[in-house]
C-alpha atoms as a PDB file:
ATOM      1  CA  MET A   1      16.881  24.953 -26.778  1.00  0.00           C
ATOM      2  CA  THR A   2      17.624  24.826 -30.508  1.00  0.00           C
ATOM      3  CA  ASP A   3      16.531  27.363 -33.135  1.00  0.00           C
ATOM      4  CA  ALA A   4      14.564  24.581 -34.814  1.00  0.00           C
ATOM      5  CA  ALA A   5      12.552  24.010 -31.660  1.00  0.00           C
ATOM      6  CA  LEU A   6      11.850  27.720 -31.253  1.00  0.00           C
ATOM      7  CA  SER A   7      10.597  27.983 -34.819  1.00  0.00           C
ATOM      8  CA  ASN A   8       8.283  24.970 -34.453  1.00  0.00           C
ATOM      9  CA  PRO A   9       5.243  25.758 -32.249  1.00  0.00           C
ATOM     10  CA  THR A  10       4.219  22.103 -32.175  1.00  0.00           C
ATOM     11  CA  ALA A  11       7.347  21.310 -30.214  1.00  0.00           C
ATOM     12  CA  PHE A  12       5.644  22.703 -27.088  1.00  0.00           C
ATOM     13  CA  ARG A  13       2.370  20.830 -27.525  1.00  0.00           C
ATOM     14  CA  THR A  14       1.604  17.867 -25.300  1.00  0.00           C
ATOM     15  CA  ALA A  15      -0.050  14.695 -26.413  1.00  0.00           C
ATOM     16  CA  GLY A  16      -3.155  15.554 -24.341  1.00  0.00           C
ATOM     17  CA  PRO A  17      -4.176  15.999 -20.714  1.00  0.00           C
ATOM     18  CA  ALA A  18      -2.066  14.079 -18.241  1.00  0.00           C
ATOM     19  CA  THR A  19      -3.650  10.961 -16.812  1.00  0.00           C
ATOM     20  CA  PRO A  20      -4.539  11.595 -13.124  1.00  0.00           C
ATOM     21  CA  ALA A  21      -2.477   9.564 -10.725  1.00  0.00           C
ATOM     22  CA  ALA A  22      -4.392   6.775  -9.023  1.00  0.00           C
ATOM     23  CA  VAL A  23      -5.449   7.590  -5.456  1.00  0.00           C
ATOM     24  CA  ASP A  24      -3.761   5.393  -2.878  1.00  0.00           C
ATOM     25  CA  ASP A  25      -6.419   3.225  -1.212  1.00  0.00           C
ATOM     26  CA  ARG A  26      -5.000   4.189   2.186  1.00  0.00           C
ATOM     27  CA  LEU A  27      -5.963   7.812   1.542  1.00  0.00           C
ATOM     28  CA  LYS A  28      -9.510   7.227   0.339  1.00  0.00           C
ATOM     29  CA  PRO A  29     -12.391   8.091   2.702  1.00  0.00           C
ATOM     30  CA  LEU A  30     -13.457   5.002   4.608  1.00  0.00           C
ATOM     31  CA  LYS A  31     -16.619   3.233   3.509  1.00  0.00           C
ATOM     32  CA  ILE A  32     -19.541   3.239   5.940  1.00  0.00           C
ATOM     33  CA  GLN A  33     -20.020  -0.363   7.092  1.00  0.00           C
ATOM     34  CA  PRO A  34     -22.871  -0.615   9.644  1.00  0.00           C
ATOM     35  CA  LEU A  35     -22.765  -4.419   9.949  1.00  0.00           C
ATOM     36  CA  ARG A  36     -19.050  -4.365  10.684  1.00  0.00           C
ATOM     37  CA  ALA A  37     -19.693  -1.761  13.381  1.00  0.00           C
ATOM     38  CA  LEU A  38     -22.523  -3.796  14.919  1.00  0.00           C
ATOM     39  CA  LYS A  39     -20.377  -6.931  15.057  1.00  0.00           C
ATOM     40  CA  ALA A  40     -17.557  -5.029  16.779  1.00  0.00           C
ATOM     41  CA  PHE A  41     -19.980  -3.369  19.223  1.00  0.00           C
ATOM     42  CA  ARG A  42     -21.325  -6.756  20.333  1.00  0.00           C
ATOM     43  CA  LYS A  43     -17.782  -7.909  21.016  1.00  0.00           C
ATOM     44  CA  LEU A  44     -17.095  -4.700  22.933  1.00  0.00           C
ATOM     45  CA  MET A  45     -20.164  -5.232  25.111  1.00  0.00           C
ATOM     46  CA  ARG A  46     -18.864  -8.698  25.993  1.00  0.00           C
ATOM     47  CA  ASP A  47     -15.419  -7.348  26.880  1.00  0.00           C
ATOM     48  CA  LYS A  48     -15.203  -3.636  27.734  1.00  0.00           C
ATOM     49  CA  GLU A  49     -11.380  -3.824  27.756  1.00  0.00           C
ATOM     50  CA  ASP A  50     -11.225  -4.961  24.127  1.00  0.00           C
ATOM     51  CA  THR A  51     -10.115  -1.570  22.809  1.00  0.00           C
ATOM     52  CA  ALA A  52      -9.433  -3.005  19.357  1.00  0.00           C
ATOM     53  CA  GLN A  53     -13.204  -3.194  18.840  1.00  0.00           C
ATOM     54  CA  VAL A  54     -13.488   0.568  19.355  1.00  0.00           C
ATOM     55  CA  PHE A  55     -11.094   1.073  16.467  1.00  0.00           C
ATOM     56  CA  GLU A  56     -13.080  -1.467  14.421  1.00  0.00           C
ATOM     57  CA  ILE A  57     -16.209   0.626  14.970  1.00  0.00           C
ATOM     58  CA  MET A  58     -14.389   3.813  14.065  1.00  0.00           C
ATOM     59  CA  MET A  59     -13.021   2.206  10.897  1.00  0.00           C
ATOM     60  CA  ALA A  60     -16.528   1.099   9.959  1.00  0.00           C
ATOM     61  CA  LEU A  61     -18.228   4.461  10.531  1.00  0.00           C
ATOM     62  CA  ASN A  62     -15.618   7.234  10.264  1.00  0.00           C
ATOM     63  CA  GLY A  63     -16.365   7.940   6.602  1.00  0.00           C
ATOM     64  CA  LYS A  64     -14.968  11.339   5.632  1.00  0.00           C
ATOM     65  CA  SER A  65     -14.745  12.754   9.163  1.00  0.00           C
ATOM     66  CA  THR A  66     -10.928  12.653   9.295  1.00  0.00           C
ATOM     67  CA  GLN A  67     -10.627  14.490   5.976  1.00  0.00           C
ATOM     68  CA  ARG A  68     -13.181  17.071   7.134  1.00  0.00           C
ATOM     69  CA  GLY A  69     -11.329  17.551  10.407  1.00  0.00           C
ATOM     70  CA  TYR A  70      -8.026  18.134   8.651  1.00  0.00           C
ATOM     71  CA  ARG A  71      -9.575  20.695   6.320  1.00  0.00           C
ATOM     72  CA  ARG A  72     -11.006  22.500   9.333  1.00  0.00           C
ATOM     73  CA  LEU A  73      -7.621  22.461  11.029  1.00  0.00           C
ATOM     74  CA  ILE A  74      -5.765  24.074   8.135  1.00  0.00           C
ATOM     75  CA  SER A  75      -8.498  26.675   7.601  1.00  0.00           C
ATOM     76  CA  THR A  76      -7.004  28.714  10.470  1.00  0.00           C
ATOM     77  CA  PHE A  77      -3.527  30.177  10.860  1.00  0.00           C
ATOM     78  CA  SER A  78      -2.850  28.406  14.169  1.00  0.00           C
ATOM     79  CA  GLY A  79      -4.162  25.107  12.831  1.00  0.00           C
ATOM     80  CA  GLY A  80      -2.137  25.503   9.668  1.00  0.00           C
ATOM     81  CA  ARG A  81       0.987  25.931  11.773  1.00  0.00           C
ATOM     82  CA  LEU A  82       0.221  22.721  13.668  1.00  0.00           C
ATOM     83  CA  ALA A  83      -0.291  20.876  10.384  1.00  0.00           C
ATOM     84  CA  TYR A  84       2.948  22.333   9.009  1.00  0.00           C
ATOM     85  CA  GLU A  85       4.902  21.202  12.079  1.00  0.00           C
ATOM     86  CA  ARG A  86       3.117  17.812  12.242  1.00  0.00           C
ATOM     87  CA  THR A  87       4.219  16.966  15.776  1.00  0.00           C
ATOM     88  CA  GLU A  88       3.508  13.321  16.549  1.00  0.00           C
ATOM     89  CA  MET A  89       1.760  13.449  19.920  1.00  0.00           C
ATOM     90  CA  ALA A  90       2.483   9.782  20.607  1.00  0.00           C
ATOM     91  CA  ALA A  91       6.192  10.614  20.702  1.00  0.00           C
ATOM     92  CA  VAL A  92       5.580  13.573  23.026  1.00  0.00           C
ATOM     93  CA  LEU A  93       3.308  11.683  25.424  1.00  0.00           C
ATOM     94  CA  SER A  94       5.580   8.615  25.445  1.00  0.00           C
ATOM     95  CA  ASP A  95       8.607  10.635  26.567  1.00  0.00           C
ATOM     96  CA  ARG A  96       8.500   9.745  30.265  1.00  0.00           C
ATOM     97  CA  ALA A  97      11.294  12.093  31.263  1.00  0.00           C
ATOM     98  CA  TYR A  98       9.542  14.972  29.493  1.00  0.00           C
ATOM     99  CA  ILE A  99       6.157  14.213  31.073  1.00  0.00           C
ATOM    100  CA  ALA A 100       7.756  13.763  34.510  1.00  0.00           C
ATOM    101  CA  ALA A 101       8.983  17.368  34.450  1.00  0.00           C
ATOM    102  CA  PHE A 102       5.508  18.949  34.544  1.00  0.00           C
ATOM    103  CA  ALA A 103       4.271  20.406  37.815  1.00  0.00           C
ATOM    104  CA  PRO A 104       1.432  18.491  39.527  1.00  0.00           C
ATOM    105  CA  HIS A 105      -1.179  21.217  38.909  1.00  0.00           C
ATOM    106  CA  THR A 106      -0.582  21.355  35.144  1.00  0.00           C
ATOM    107  CA  VAL A 107      -2.301  19.421  32.373  1.00  0.00           C
ATOM    108  CA  GLY A 108       0.906  17.435  31.897  1.00  0.00           C
ATOM    109  CA  GLY A 109       1.054  16.611  35.610  1.00  0.00           C
ATOM    110  CA  ALA A 110      -2.572  15.473  35.620  1.00  0.00           C
ATOM    111  CA  TYR A 111      -1.945  13.380  32.502  1.00  0.00           C
ATOM    112  CA  ARG A 112       1.052  11.740  34.184  1.00  0.00           C
ATOM    113  CA  ARG A 113      -1.069  10.748  37.195  1.00  0.00           C
ATOM    114  CA  PHE A 114      -3.910   9.519  34.998  1.00  0.00           C
ATOM    115  CA  VAL A 115      -1.851   7.160  32.848  1.00  0.00           C
ATOM    116  CA  HIS A 116       0.108   5.936  35.886  1.00  0.00           C
ATOM    117  CA  ASP A 117      -3.018   5.193  37.930  1.00  0.00           C
ATOM    118  CA  GLU A 118      -4.749   3.495  34.986  1.00  0.00           C
ATOM    119  CA  GLY A 119      -1.683   1.619  33.733  1.00  0.00           C
ATOM    120  CA  LEU A 120      -1.962   3.238  30.291  1.00  0.00           C
ATOM    121  CA  SER A 121       0.471   4.351  27.617  1.00  0.00           C
ATOM    122  CA  ALA A 122       0.332   6.044  24.235  1.00  0.00           C
ATOM    123  CA  GLU A 123       1.985   2.945  22.787  1.00  0.00           C
ATOM    124  CA  GLY A 124      -0.968   0.850  23.944  1.00  0.00           C
ATOM    125  CA  LEU A 125      -3.444   2.874  21.900  1.00  0.00           C
ATOM    126  CA  ILE A 126      -1.209   2.605  18.845  1.00  0.00           C
ATOM    127  CA  ALA A 127      -1.006  -1.170  19.159  1.00  0.00           C
ATOM    128  CA  GLU A 128      -4.783  -1.505  19.417  1.00  0.00           C
ATOM    129  CA  SER A 129      -5.405   0.728  16.415  1.00  0.00           C
ATOM    130  CA  ARG A 130      -2.996  -1.305  14.290  1.00  0.00           C
ATOM    131  CA  LYS A 131      -5.075  -4.412  14.990  1.00  0.00           C
ATOM    132  CA  ALA A 132      -8.003  -2.793  13.170  1.00  0.00           C
ATOM    133  CA  ARG A 133      -6.270  -1.232  10.179  1.00  0.00           C
ATOM    134  CA  GLY A 134      -2.672  -2.387  10.124  1.00  0.00           C
ATOM    135  CA  ALA A 135       0.524  -0.404  10.539  1.00  0.00           C
ATOM    136  CA  ASP A 136       0.823   0.279   6.805  1.00  0.00           C
ATOM    137  CA  ALA A 137      -2.328   2.416   6.783  1.00  0.00           C
ATOM    138  CA  THR A 138      -2.073   3.735  10.353  1.00  0.00           C
ATOM    139  CA  ASP A 139       1.518   4.994  10.130  1.00  0.00           C
ATOM    140  CA  ILE A 140       1.464   6.392   6.584  1.00  0.00           C
ATOM    141  CA  GLN A 141       3.361   9.674   6.233  1.00  0.00           C
ATOM    142  CA  HIS A 142       0.516  11.860   5.011  1.00  0.00           C
ATOM    143  CA  PRO A 143      -1.114  14.955   6.586  1.00  0.00           C
ATOM    144  CA  VAL A 144      -4.612  13.448   6.820  1.00  0.00           C
ATOM    145  CA  ALA A 145      -3.253  10.251   8.382  1.00  0.00           C
ATOM    146  CA  TRP A 146      -1.273  12.423  10.803  1.00  0.00           C
ATOM    147  CA  PHE A 147      -4.502  14.188  11.814  1.00  0.00           C
ATOM    148  CA  GLY A 148      -6.133  10.824  12.494  1.00  0.00           C
ATOM    149  CA  ARG A 149      -3.202   9.808  14.678  1.00  0.00           C
ATOM    150  CA  ARG A 150      -3.487  13.135  16.489  1.00  0.00           C
ATOM    151  CA  ILE A 151      -7.063  12.319  17.526  1.00  0.00           C
ATOM    152  CA  ARG A 152      -6.107   8.772  18.512  1.00  0.00           C
ATOM    153  CA  ASP A 153      -2.984   9.646  20.495  1.00  0.00           C
ATOM    154  CA  THR A 154      -4.609  12.394  22.589  1.00  0.00           C
ATOM    155  CA  HIS A 155      -7.620  10.309  23.713  1.00  0.00           C
ATOM    156  CA  ASP A 156      -6.314   9.949  27.270  1.00  0.00           C
ATOM    157  CA  LEU A 157      -5.438  13.639  27.326  1.00  0.00           C
ATOM    158  CA  TRP A 158      -9.102  14.346  26.518  1.00  0.00           C
ATOM    159  CA  HIS A 159     -10.014  12.223  29.565  1.00  0.00           C
ATOM    160  CA  VAL A 160      -7.901  14.528  31.698  1.00  0.00           C
ATOM    161  CA  LEU A 161      -9.275  17.746  30.211  1.00  0.00           C
ATOM    162  CA  THR A 162     -12.934  16.723  30.421  1.00  0.00           C
ATOM    163  CA  GLY A 163     -12.789  15.073  33.839  1.00  0.00           C
ATOM    164  CA  TYR A 164     -14.314  11.810  32.628  1.00  0.00           C
ATOM    165  CA  GLY A 165     -12.725   8.742  34.150  1.00  0.00           C
ATOM    166  CA  ARG A 166     -11.803   5.545  32.389  1.00  0.00           C
ATOM    167  CA  ASP A 167     -14.684   3.638  33.972  1.00  0.00           C
ATOM    168  CA  GLY A 168     -17.515   2.426  31.747  1.00  0.00           C
ATOM    169  CA  LEU A 169     -19.683   5.504  32.187  1.00  0.00           C
ATOM    170  CA  GLY A 170     -16.717   7.825  31.755  1.00  0.00           C
ATOM    171  CA  GLU A 171     -15.823   6.212  28.440  1.00  0.00           C
ATOM    172  CA  LEU A 172     -19.410   6.519  27.201  1.00  0.00           C
ATOM    173  CA  CYS A 173     -19.433  10.187  28.167  1.00  0.00           C
ATOM    174  CA  LEU A 174     -16.108  10.871  26.482  1.00  0.00           C
ATOM    175  CA  VAL A 175     -17.212   9.273  23.209  1.00  0.00           C
ATOM    176  CA  ALA A 176     -20.337  11.458  23.270  1.00  0.00           C
ATOM    177  CA  PHE A 177     -18.130  14.508  23.870  1.00  0.00           C
ATOM    178  CA  SER A 178     -15.850  13.315  21.053  1.00  0.00           C
ATOM    179  CA  TYR A 179     -18.763  12.979  18.623  1.00  0.00           C
ATOM    180  CA  ALA A 180     -19.766  16.581  19.293  1.00  0.00           C
ATOM    181  CA  GLN A 181     -16.188  17.627  18.563  1.00  0.00           C
ATOM    182  CA  THR A 182     -15.447  15.476  15.498  1.00  0.00           C
ATOM    183  CA  ARG A 183     -18.833  14.417  14.028  1.00  0.00           C
ATOM    184  CA  SER A 184     -17.424  10.951  13.549  1.00  0.00           C
ATOM    185  CA  LEU A 185     -20.362   8.539  13.502  1.00  0.00           C
ATOM    186  CA  GLY A 186     -18.330   5.859  15.261  1.00  0.00           C
ATOM    187  CA  TRP A 187     -18.379   7.846  18.493  1.00  0.00           C
ATOM    188  CA  ALA A 188     -22.129   8.431  18.238  1.00  0.00           C
ATOM    189  CA  PHE A 189     -22.740   4.731  17.578  1.00  0.00           C
ATOM    190  CA  ILE A 190     -20.860   3.679  20.722  1.00  0.00           C
ATOM    191  CA  ALA A 191     -22.547   6.307  22.902  1.00  0.00           C
ATOM    192  CA  ILE A 192     -26.071   5.525  21.718  1.00  0.00           C
ATOM    193  CA  GLY A 193     -25.466   1.777  21.838  1.00  0.00           C
ATOM    194  CA  GLY A 194     -24.200   2.034  25.400  1.00  0.00           C
ATOM    195  CA  VAL A 195     -27.221   4.045  26.515  1.00  0.00           C
ATOM    196  CA  ILE A 196     -29.613   1.561  24.899  1.00  0.00           C
ATOM    197  CA  GLN A 197     -27.878  -1.296  26.694  1.00  0.00           C
ATOM    198  CA  ALA A 198     -28.140   0.596  29.990  1.00  0.00           C
ATOM    199  CA  TYR A 199     -31.900   1.044  29.498  1.00  0.00           C
ATOM    200  CA  ARG A 200     -32.236  -2.674  28.846  1.00  0.00           C
ATOM    201  CA  MET A 201     -30.566  -3.268  32.202  1.00  0.00           C
ATOM    202  CA  GLY A 202     -33.031  -0.917  33.880  1.00  0.00           C
ATOM    203  CA  TYR A 203     -30.572   1.856  34.676  1.00  0.00           C
ATOM    204  CA  GLY A 204     -30.818   4.037  31.626  1.00  0.00           C
ATOM    205  CA  PRO A 205     -31.916   7.465  32.897  1.00  0.00           C
ATOM    206  CA  GLN A 206     -28.718   8.208  34.863  1.00  0.00           C
ATOM    207  CA  THR A 207     -26.556   6.980  31.999  1.00  0.00           C
ATOM    208  CA  ALA A 208     -28.524   8.920  29.398  1.00  0.00           C
ATOM    209  CA  LYS A 209     -28.379  12.111  31.468  1.00  0.00           C
ATOM    210  CA  ALA A 210     -24.594  11.916  31.853  1.00  0.00           C
ATOM    211  CA  VAL A 211     -24.022  11.036  28.188  1.00  0.00           C
ATOM    212  CA  TRP A 212     -26.326  13.805  26.938  1.00  0.00           C
ATOM    213  CA  GLN A 213     -24.588  16.364  29.141  1.00  0.00           C
ATOM    214  CA  ALA A 214     -21.232  15.185  27.758  1.00  0.00           C
ATOM    215  CA  TYR A 215     -22.460  15.677  24.198  1.00  0.00           C
ATOM    216  CA  ARG A 216     -23.754  19.169  24.977  1.00  0.00           C
ATOM    217  CA  GLN A 217     -20.489  20.106  26.682  1.00  0.00           C
ATOM    218  CA  GLY A 218     -18.572  18.861  23.666  1.00  0.00           C
ATOM    219  CA  GLU A 219     -20.617  21.214  21.498  1.00  0.00           C
ATOM    220  CA  LYS A 220     -19.932  24.192  23.753  1.00  0.00           C
ATOM    221  CA  ALA A 221     -16.229  23.558  24.299  1.00  0.00           C
ATOM    222  CA  ALA A 222     -13.452  24.906  22.115  1.00  0.00           C
ATOM    223  CA  TRP A 223     -12.446  22.587  19.275  1.00  0.00           C
ATOM    224  CA  LEU A 224      -9.844  20.340  20.894  1.00  0.00           C
ATOM    225  CA  PRO A 225      -8.316  18.935  17.668  1.00  0.00           C
ATOM    226  CA  GLY A 226      -7.182  22.468  16.870  1.00  0.00           C
ATOM    227  CA  GLN A 227      -5.348  22.990  20.157  1.00  0.00           C
ATOM    228  CA  ASP A 228      -1.579  23.036  20.500  1.00  0.00           C
ATOM    229  CA  PHE A 229      -1.428  20.028  22.813  1.00  0.00           C
ATOM    230  CA  ALA A 230       2.322  20.216  23.329  1.00  0.00           C
ATOM    231  CA  ALA A 231       1.940  23.756  24.708  1.00  0.00           C
ATOM    232  CA  LEU A 232      -1.235  22.838  26.595  1.00  0.00           C
ATOM    233  CA  LEU A 233       0.645  20.354  28.764  1.00  0.00           C
ATOM    234  CA  SER A 234       2.371  23.143  30.694  1.00  0.00           C
ATOM    235  CA  GLU A 235      -0.868  25.061  31.333  1.00  0.00           C
ATOM    236  CA  PRO A 236      -2.563  24.788  34.772  1.00  0.00           C
ATOM    237  CA  LEU A 237      -5.358  22.240  34.407  1.00  0.00           C
ATOM    238  CA  GLU A 238      -8.172  24.397  35.764  1.00  0.00           C
ATOM    239  CA  ALA A 239      -7.048  27.381  33.708  1.00  0.00           C
ATOM    240  CA  ALA A 240      -6.982  25.207  30.589  1.00  0.00           C
ATOM    241  CA  ARG A 241     -10.497  23.939  31.261  1.00  0.00           C
ATOM    242  CA  ALA A 242     -11.749  27.495  31.726  1.00  0.00           C
ATOM    243  CA  ARG A 243     -10.048  28.716  28.561  1.00  0.00           C
ATOM    244  CA  LEU A 244     -11.421  25.795  26.556  1.00  0.00           C
ATOM    245  CA  ASN A 245     -14.899  26.211  28.072  1.00  0.00           C
ATOM    246  CA  ILE A 246     -14.960  22.655  29.425  1.00  0.00           C
ATOM    247  CA  ALA A 247     -17.481  22.577  32.239  1.00  0.00           C
ATOM    248  CA  LEU A 248     -17.557  20.274  35.255  1.00  0.00           C
ATOM    249  CA  PRO A 249     -19.295  16.978  34.323  1.00  0.00           C
ATOM    250  CA  THR A 250     -21.875  17.196  37.095  1.00  0.00           C
ATOM    251  CA  ALA A 251     -24.209  14.466  35.795  1.00  0.00           C
ATOM    252  CA  TYR A 252     -21.327  12.013  35.565  1.00  0.00           C
ATOM    253  CA  LEU A 253     -19.953  12.912  38.983  1.00  0.00           C
ATOM    254  CA  ALA A 254     -23.429  12.526  40.535  1.00  0.00           C
ATOM    255  CA  VAL A 255     -23.311   8.779  39.832  1.00  0.00           C
ATOM    256  CA  PRO A 256     -21.586   6.925  42.698  1.00  0.00           C
ATOM    257  CA  GLU A 257     -18.055   5.950  41.772  1.00  0.00           C
ATOM    258  CA  GLU A 258     -18.636   2.231  42.313  1.00  0.00           C
ATOM    259  CA  LEU A 259     -21.531   2.349  39.846  1.00  0.00           C
ATOM    260  CA  ARG A 260     -19.642   4.206  37.113  1.00  0.00           C
ATOM    261  CA  ARG A 261     -17.324   1.302  36.391  1.00  0.00           C
ATOM    262  CA  ASP A 262     -19.855  -0.391  34.150  1.00  0.00           C
ATOM    263  CA  PRO A 263     -23.085   1.508  33.485  1.00  0.00           C
ATOM    264  CA  LEU A 264     -24.559  -1.710  32.092  1.00  0.00           C
ATOM    265  CA  ARG A 265     -24.249  -3.327  35.515  1.00  0.00           C
ATOM    266  CA  MET A 266     -25.498  -0.410  37.589  1.00  0.00           C
ATOM    267  CA  ALA A 267     -29.036  -1.800  37.960  1.00  0.00           C
ATOM    268  CA  PRO A 268     -28.171  -4.962  39.924  1.00  0.00           C
ATOM    269  CA  ALA A 269     -25.558  -3.075  41.928  1.00  0.00           C
ATOM    270  CA  ALA A 270     -28.061  -0.385  42.883  1.00  0.00           C
ATOM    271  CA  ALA A 271     -30.707  -2.977  43.742  1.00  0.00           C
ATOM    272  CA  ALA A 272     -28.309  -4.685  46.124  1.00  0.00           C
ATOM    273  CA  ALA A 273     -27.405  -1.422  47.873  1.00  0.00           C
END
């Protein structure tokens, strides 16, 4: 620095406050769009396997829940470490050789059986989510986007931990559990909509009882988004459930297995029995 600059105080003055950088649209909280959610829900009711509609509903109703969840995660030391490491769970759960190494009684072993029996994969969830938002927004390298992927990619792992199957009633119960854990309105919308449809079919009480119990158990359980899932895979399943305070889903299990597949068709099935 020259002597002239040192003797001139105005040399260090700026022209004024810096203009804030524009916020990338991909990082803005999602707008609440009830009509978009309703349209997607109607499609989902027509085809329960159309997983892309679930992501449409979540896109329409998530709002600020992902941002809130990330802030909660980094508010603890253990959560901050997970955010610092930013492990992509899709990569972990897609490593077949890695998953194959877990003992049968562990969370990883139970997950392996679950995805094999149901014909599922972490890649499948990713593909469906990209239909709703596109790869550009879904795969962005940003901590909040990473947290959203973390919730998405561990959905089937939550099935294993909670004991809810992939049948229609099991999915309704898991979304109710997920709402209690994340406070994302999309989950609540699907759960409530499913229960209303079940009542219209004349088989609402059993569905409502199972879904309500799932919500209550989600409230009582440890916060799953803050768990070290990679480490959890090697833990014995029953020990993990006890540690996380995940109780047996008795109301769900009380419904006959053949009637759980689609709670909206339980009425005619029961009448024929």
